[in-house]
Amino acid sequence: MKKPQLFTVAFVFLLIAGCAADSDQTSEEKNDHKDMSMEEQPQMLEANIIVPEAISPKKEATLKVEVTQGDEVVDDASEVMFEIWQDDKEKSEMIKAEHEGNGVYSITKQFEQDGIYHVQTHVTARDLHVMPTKQFVVGEVSEEEMSKMEMEEMPEDHEHEEHGEENSEAHSH
């Protein structure tokens, strides 16, 4: 009678030891999976807004955005929209961009009057969304308006961009 009990105790001991070894392996596999998932996270999507140096009122101008991810151009964006407004963002106009190639998306628009404008691109690609903003001038503006724009453009670290400020907000989907 003792042999079956001894056999049962030995069997239970081996079963517990086997489960413990299996759980250690599962732990290692989980750590390997964590390391892999950190490496697999996509690089940030970058969108660089390009506006002409001089835009005249009542004439067409082309605004562009270059979209990249790391060193790769993004030609497969699911949506690229340009949002344009002057003083009040609530009165903005949304325009769907055309894909030119090499990661460049563009719109052509005629601006009706002189002034300071804002453009914000809404770029969705590869489960990421970025919304950089830039200010630009159409026609002629007063020195007061230019000073105000320059004050708004000045980043916190006081570095200047050549053609206006570009702020970027990024979201992952």
C-alpha atoms as a PDB file:
ATOM      1  CA  MET A   1       0.000   0.000   0.000  1.00  0.00           C
ATOM      2  CA  LYS A   2       2.893   2.336   0.644  1.00  0.00           C
ATOM      3  CA  LYS A   3       4.196   2.067  -2.924  1.00  0.00           C
ATOM      4  CA  PRO A   4       1.056   3.595  -4.521  1.00  0.00           C
ATOM      5  CA  GLN A   5       1.102   6.444  -1.958  1.00  0.00           C
ATOM      6  CA  LEU A   6       4.820   7.022  -2.546  1.00  0.00           C
ATOM      7  CA  PHE A   7       4.202   6.917  -6.288  1.00  0.00           C
ATOM      8  CA  THR A   8       1.351   9.482  -5.903  1.00  0.00           C
ATOM      9  CA  VAL A   9       3.505  11.806  -3.788  1.00  0.00           C
ATOM     10  CA  ALA A  10       6.375  11.546  -6.283  1.00  0.00           C
ATOM     11  CA  PHE A  11       3.989  12.164  -9.178  1.00  0.00           C
ATOM     12  CA  VAL A  12       2.502  15.261  -7.479  1.00  0.00           C
ATOM     13  CA  PHE A  13       6.006  16.547  -6.698  1.00  0.00           C
ATOM     14  CA  LEU A  14       7.102  16.124 -10.338  1.00  0.00           C
ATOM     15  CA  LEU A  15       3.903  17.757 -11.528  1.00  0.00           C
ATOM     16  CA  ILE A  16       4.479  20.814  -9.302  1.00  0.00           C
ATOM     17  CA  ALA A  17       8.163  21.029 -10.304  1.00  0.00           C
ATOM     18  CA  GLY A  18       7.183  20.822 -13.980  1.00  0.00           C
ATOM     19  CA  CYS A  19       4.592  23.594 -13.621  1.00  0.00           C
ATOM     20  CA  ALA A  20       7.093  25.819 -11.854  1.00  0.00           C
ATOM     21  CA  ALA A  21       9.646  25.317 -14.650  1.00  0.00           C
ATOM     22  CA  ASP A  22       6.919  26.021 -17.227  1.00  0.00           C
ATOM     23  CA  SER A  23       5.916  29.260 -15.474  1.00  0.00           C
ATOM     24  CA  ASP A  24       9.566  30.426 -15.485  1.00  0.00           C
ATOM     25  CA  GLN A  25       9.729  29.832 -19.204  1.00  0.00           C
ATOM     26  CA  THR A  26       6.472  31.740 -19.671  1.00  0.00           C
ATOM     27  CA  SER A  27       7.980  34.631 -17.704  1.00  0.00           C
ATOM     28  CA  GLU A  28      11.010  34.708 -19.986  1.00  0.00           C
ATOM     29  CA  GLU A  29       8.790  34.545 -23.040  1.00  0.00           C
ATOM     30  CA  LYS A  30       6.775  37.473 -21.680  1.00  0.00           C
ATOM     31  CA  ASN A  31       9.959  39.510 -21.163  1.00  0.00           C
ATOM     32  CA  ASP A  32      11.128  38.673 -24.686  1.00  0.00           C
ATOM     33  CA  HIS A  33       7.724  39.760 -25.998  1.00  0.00           C
ATOM     34  CA  LYS A  34       7.924  43.040 -24.059  1.00  0.00           C
ATOM     35  CA  ASP A  35      11.376  43.764 -25.521  1.00  0.00           C
ATOM     36  CA  MET A  36      10.136  42.997 -29.020  1.00  0.00           C
ATOM     37  CA  SER A  37       7.021  45.158 -28.664  1.00  0.00           C
ATOM     38  CA  MET A  38       9.126  48.127 -27.513  1.00  0.00           C
ATOM     39  CA  GLU A  39      11.333  47.740 -30.582  1.00  0.00           C
ATOM     40  CA  GLU A  40       8.311  47.425 -32.862  1.00  0.00           C
ATOM     41  CA  GLN A  41       6.707  50.703 -31.809  1.00  0.00           C
ATOM     42  CA  PRO A  42       6.489  52.939 -34.873  1.00  0.00           C
ATOM     43  CA  GLN A  43       8.631  56.030 -35.214  1.00  0.00           C
ATOM     44  CA  MET A  44       6.896  59.380 -34.969  1.00  0.00           C
ATOM     45  CA  LEU A  45       5.189  60.759 -38.019  1.00  0.00           C
ATOM     46  CA  GLU A  46       6.687  64.092 -39.108  1.00  0.00           C
ATOM     47  CA  ALA A  47       4.828  66.690 -41.177  1.00  0.00           C
ATOM     48  CA  ASN A  48       6.709  69.741 -42.436  1.00  0.00           C
ATOM     49  CA  ILE A  49       4.452  72.523 -43.766  1.00  0.00           C
ATOM     50  CA  ILE A  50       5.854  74.497 -46.708  1.00  0.00           C
ATOM     51  CA  VAL A  51       4.341  77.848 -47.732  1.00  0.00           C
ATOM     52  CA  PRO A  52       5.594  80.164 -50.477  1.00  0.00           C
ATOM     53  CA  GLU A  53       7.742  83.078 -49.299  1.00  0.00           C
ATOM     54  CA  ALA A  54       5.372  85.567 -50.918  1.00  0.00           C
ATOM     55  CA  ILE A  55       1.635  85.077 -51.370  1.00  0.00           C
ATOM     56  CA  SER A  56      -0.431  87.740 -53.116  1.00  0.00           C
ATOM     57  CA  PRO A  57      -4.128  88.204 -52.442  1.00  0.00           C
ATOM     58  CA  LYS A  58      -6.536  87.118 -55.184  1.00  0.00           C
ATOM     59  CA  LYS A  59      -3.862  84.874 -56.756  1.00  0.00           C
ATOM     60  CA  GLU A  60      -3.522  81.128 -56.347  1.00  0.00           C
ATOM     61  CA  ALA A  61      -0.836  79.797 -54.004  1.00  0.00           C
ATOM     62  CA  THR A  62       0.247  76.220 -53.371  1.00  0.00           C
ATOM     63  CA  LEU A  63       0.692  75.028 -49.787  1.00  0.00           C
ATOM     64  CA  LYS A  64       2.486  71.727 -49.200  1.00  0.00           C
ATOM     65  CA  VAL A  65       3.244  69.316 -46.416  1.00  0.00           C
ATOM     66  CA  GLU A  66       6.113  66.806 -46.515  1.00  0.00           C
ATOM     67  CA  VAL A  67       5.268  63.664 -44.542  1.00  0.00           C
ATOM     68  CA  THR A  68       7.973  61.315 -43.275  1.00  0.00           C
ATOM     69  CA  GLN A  69       8.390  58.594 -40.687  1.00  0.00           C
ATOM     70  CA  GLY A  70      12.002  58.288 -39.641  1.00  0.00           C
ATOM     71  CA  ASP A  71      14.014  58.380 -42.883  1.00  0.00           C
ATOM     72  CA  GLU A  72      11.116  57.068 -44.968  1.00  0.00           C
ATOM     73  CA  VAL A  73       8.749  59.226 -47.032  1.00  0.00           C
ATOM     74  CA  VAL A  74       5.078  58.502 -46.393  1.00  0.00           C
ATOM     75  CA  ASP A  75       3.150  57.963 -49.614  1.00  0.00           C
ATOM     76  CA  ASP A  76       0.351  55.956 -48.027  1.00  0.00           C
ATOM     77  CA  ALA A  77      -1.349  58.545 -45.779  1.00  0.00           C
ATOM     78  CA  SER A  78      -5.011  57.689 -45.321  1.00  0.00           C
ATOM     79  CA  GLU A  79      -5.967  61.364 -44.927  1.00  0.00           C
ATOM     80  CA  VAL A  80      -4.258  64.733 -45.333  1.00  0.00           C
ATOM     81  CA  MET A  81      -6.319  67.877 -44.756  1.00  0.00           C
ATOM     82  CA  PHE A  82      -5.294  71.534 -44.621  1.00  0.00           C
ATOM     83  CA  GLU A  83      -7.239  73.709 -42.176  1.00  0.00           C
ATOM     84  CA  ILE A  84      -6.859  77.442 -42.874  1.00  0.00           C
ATOM     85  CA  TRP A  85      -8.111  80.440 -40.910  1.00  0.00           C
ATOM     86  CA  GLN A  86      -7.312  84.057 -40.300  1.00  0.00           C
ATOM     87  CA  ASP A  87      -8.367  85.404 -36.870  1.00  0.00           C
ATOM     88  CA  ASP A  88     -10.987  82.933 -35.727  1.00  0.00           C
ATOM     89  CA  LYS A  89     -10.302  79.186 -35.955  1.00  0.00           C
ATOM     90  CA  GLU A  90     -14.046  78.589 -35.633  1.00  0.00           C
ATOM     91  CA  LYS A  91     -14.332  80.081 -39.139  1.00  0.00           C
ATOM     92  CA  SER A  92     -11.670  77.797 -40.609  1.00  0.00           C
ATOM     93  CA  GLU A  93     -11.818  76.121 -43.997  1.00  0.00           C
ATOM     94  CA  MET A  94     -10.878  72.435 -44.408  1.00  0.00           C
ATOM     95  CA  ILE A  95      -9.364  71.420 -47.757  1.00  0.00           C
ATOM     96  CA  LYS A  96      -8.451  67.867 -48.757  1.00  0.00           C
ATOM     97  CA  ALA A  97      -4.865  67.607 -50.029  1.00  0.00           C
ATOM     98  CA  GLU A  98      -3.754  65.950 -53.251  1.00  0.00           C
ATOM     99  CA  HIS A  99      -0.832  63.496 -53.148  1.00  0.00           C
ATOM    100  CA  GLU A 100       2.019  64.711 -55.374  1.00  0.00           C
ATOM    101  CA  GLY A 101       4.436  61.848 -54.602  1.00  0.00           C
ATOM    102  CA  ASN A 102       7.629  61.495 -52.545  1.00  0.00           C
ATOM    103  CA  GLY A 103       5.687  62.106 -49.333  1.00  0.00           C
ATOM    104  CA  VAL A 104       4.403  65.508 -50.500  1.00  0.00           C
ATOM    105  CA  TYR A 105       0.728  66.472 -50.268  1.00  0.00           C
ATOM    106  CA  SER A 106      -0.569  69.847 -51.456  1.00  0.00           C
ATOM    107  CA  ILE A 107      -3.478  72.206 -51.991  1.00  0.00           C
ATOM    108  CA  THR A 108      -3.911  75.248 -54.192  1.00  0.00           C
ATOM    109  CA  LYS A 109      -5.909  78.120 -52.747  1.00  0.00           C
ATOM    110  CA  GLN A 110      -6.666  81.723 -53.556  1.00  0.00           C
ATOM    111  CA  PHE A 111      -6.557  84.041 -50.541  1.00  0.00           C
ATOM    112  CA  GLU A 112      -8.992  86.931 -50.834  1.00  0.00           C
ATOM    113  CA  GLN A 113      -7.341  89.528 -48.605  1.00  0.00           C
ATOM    114  CA  ASP A 114      -4.092  90.655 -47.022  1.00  0.00           C
ATOM    115  CA  GLY A 115      -3.404  89.407 -43.536  1.00  0.00           C
ATOM    116  CA  ILE A 116      -1.873  86.848 -41.248  1.00  0.00           C
ATOM    117  CA  TYR A 117      -3.200  83.339 -41.787  1.00  0.00           C
ATOM    118  CA  HIS A 118      -2.807  80.050 -39.951  1.00  0.00           C
ATOM    119  CA  VAL A 119      -2.581  76.632 -41.548  1.00  0.00           C
ATOM    120  CA  GLN A 120      -2.843  73.371 -39.652  1.00  0.00           C
ATOM    121  CA  THR A 121      -2.382  70.107 -41.478  1.00  0.00           C
ATOM    122  CA  HIS A 122      -4.216  67.037 -40.238  1.00  0.00           C
ATOM    123  CA  VAL A 123      -2.184  64.022 -41.365  1.00  0.00           C
ATOM    124  CA  THR A 124      -3.312  60.472 -40.648  1.00  0.00           C
ATOM    125  CA  ALA A 125      -0.995  57.653 -41.721  1.00  0.00           C
ATOM    126  CA  ARG A 126       0.060  54.271 -40.349  1.00  0.00           C
ATOM    127  CA  ASP A 127      -2.218  54.531 -37.297  1.00  0.00           C
ATOM    128  CA  LEU A 128      -0.678  57.894 -36.331  1.00  0.00           C
ATOM    129  CA  HIS A 129      -2.064  61.429 -36.519  1.00  0.00           C
ATOM    130  CA  VAL A 130      -0.085  64.691 -36.479  1.00  0.00           C
ATOM    131  CA  MET A 131      -1.366  68.257 -36.644  1.00  0.00           C
ATOM    132  CA  PRO A 132       1.431  70.803 -37.118  1.00  0.00           C
ATOM    133  CA  THR A 133       0.488  74.489 -37.376  1.00  0.00           C
ATOM    134  CA  LYS A 134       2.209  77.360 -39.154  1.00  0.00           C
ATOM    135  CA  GLN A 135       1.502  81.086 -39.575  1.00  0.00           C
ATOM    136  CA  PHE A 136       2.109  82.931 -42.826  1.00  0.00           C
ATOM    137  CA  VAL A 137       1.466  86.313 -44.430  1.00  0.00           C
ATOM    138  CA  VAL A 138      -0.671  87.046 -47.472  1.00  0.00           C
ATOM    139  CA  GLY A 139       0.014  90.375 -49.180  1.00  0.00           C
ATOM    140  CA  GLU A 140       0.992  93.215 -46.912  1.00  0.00           C
ATOM    141  CA  VAL A 141       0.406  93.606 -43.202  1.00  0.00           C
ATOM    142  CA  SER A 142       1.128  96.431 -40.793  1.00  0.00           C
ATOM    143  CA  GLU A 143       4.216  96.502 -38.603  1.00  0.00           C
ATOM    144  CA  GLU A 144       1.923  96.040 -35.612  1.00  0.00           C
ATOM    145  CA  GLU A 145       0.466  92.850 -37.095  1.00  0.00           C
ATOM    146  CA  MET A 146       3.965  91.567 -37.948  1.00  0.00           C
ATOM    147  CA  SER A 147       5.161  92.248 -34.395  1.00  0.00           C
ATOM    148  CA  LYS A 148       2.162  90.422 -33.008  1.00  0.00           C
ATOM    149  CA  MET A 149       2.834  87.456 -35.303  1.00  0.00           C
ATOM    150  CA  GLU A 150       6.517  87.365 -34.353  1.00  0.00           C
ATOM    151  CA  MET A 151       5.601  87.389 -30.657  1.00  0.00           C
ATOM    152  CA  GLU A 152       3.174  84.494 -31.204  1.00  0.00           C
ATOM    153  CA  GLU A 153       5.816  82.634 -33.230  1.00  0.00           C
ATOM    154  CA  MET A 154       8.558  82.827 -30.638  1.00  0.00           C
ATOM    155  CA  PRO A 155       9.024  79.344 -29.163  1.00  0.00           C
ATOM    156  CA  GLU A 156       9.760  79.045 -25.474  1.00  0.00           C
ATOM    157  CA  ASP A 157      13.449  78.436 -26.163  1.00  0.00           C
ATOM    158  CA  HIS A 158      13.504  81.611 -28.317  1.00  0.00           C
ATOM    159  CA  GLU A 159      14.701  79.935 -31.514  1.00  0.00           C
ATOM    160  CA  HIS A 160      13.210  81.329 -34.721  1.00  0.00           C
ATOM    161  CA  GLU A 161      11.915  79.491 -37.764  1.00  0.00           C
ATOM    162  CA  GLU A 162      12.581  81.140 -41.101  1.00  0.00           C
ATOM    163  CA  HIS A 163       9.022  81.203 -42.501  1.00  0.00           C
ATOM    164  CA  GLY A 164       6.817  81.127 -39.441  1.00  0.00           C
ATOM    165  CA  GLU A 165       6.161  79.004 -36.448  1.00  0.00           C
ATOM    166  CA  GLU A 166       5.467  75.352 -36.709  1.00  0.00           C
ATOM    167  CA  ASN A 167       3.913  73.621 -33.761  1.00  0.00           C
ATOM    168  CA  SER A 168       3.237  69.926 -33.900  1.00  0.00           C
ATOM    169  CA  GLU A 169       0.757  67.856 -31.995  1.00  0.00           C
ATOM    170  CA  ALA A 170       0.939  64.089 -32.420  1.00  0.00           C
ATOM    171  CA  HIS A 171      -1.534  61.393 -31.546  1.00  0.00           C
ATOM    172  CA  SER A 172      -1.302  57.651 -31.824  1.00  0.00           C
ATOM    173  CA  HIS A 173      -4.367  55.628 -32.777  1.00  0.00           C
END
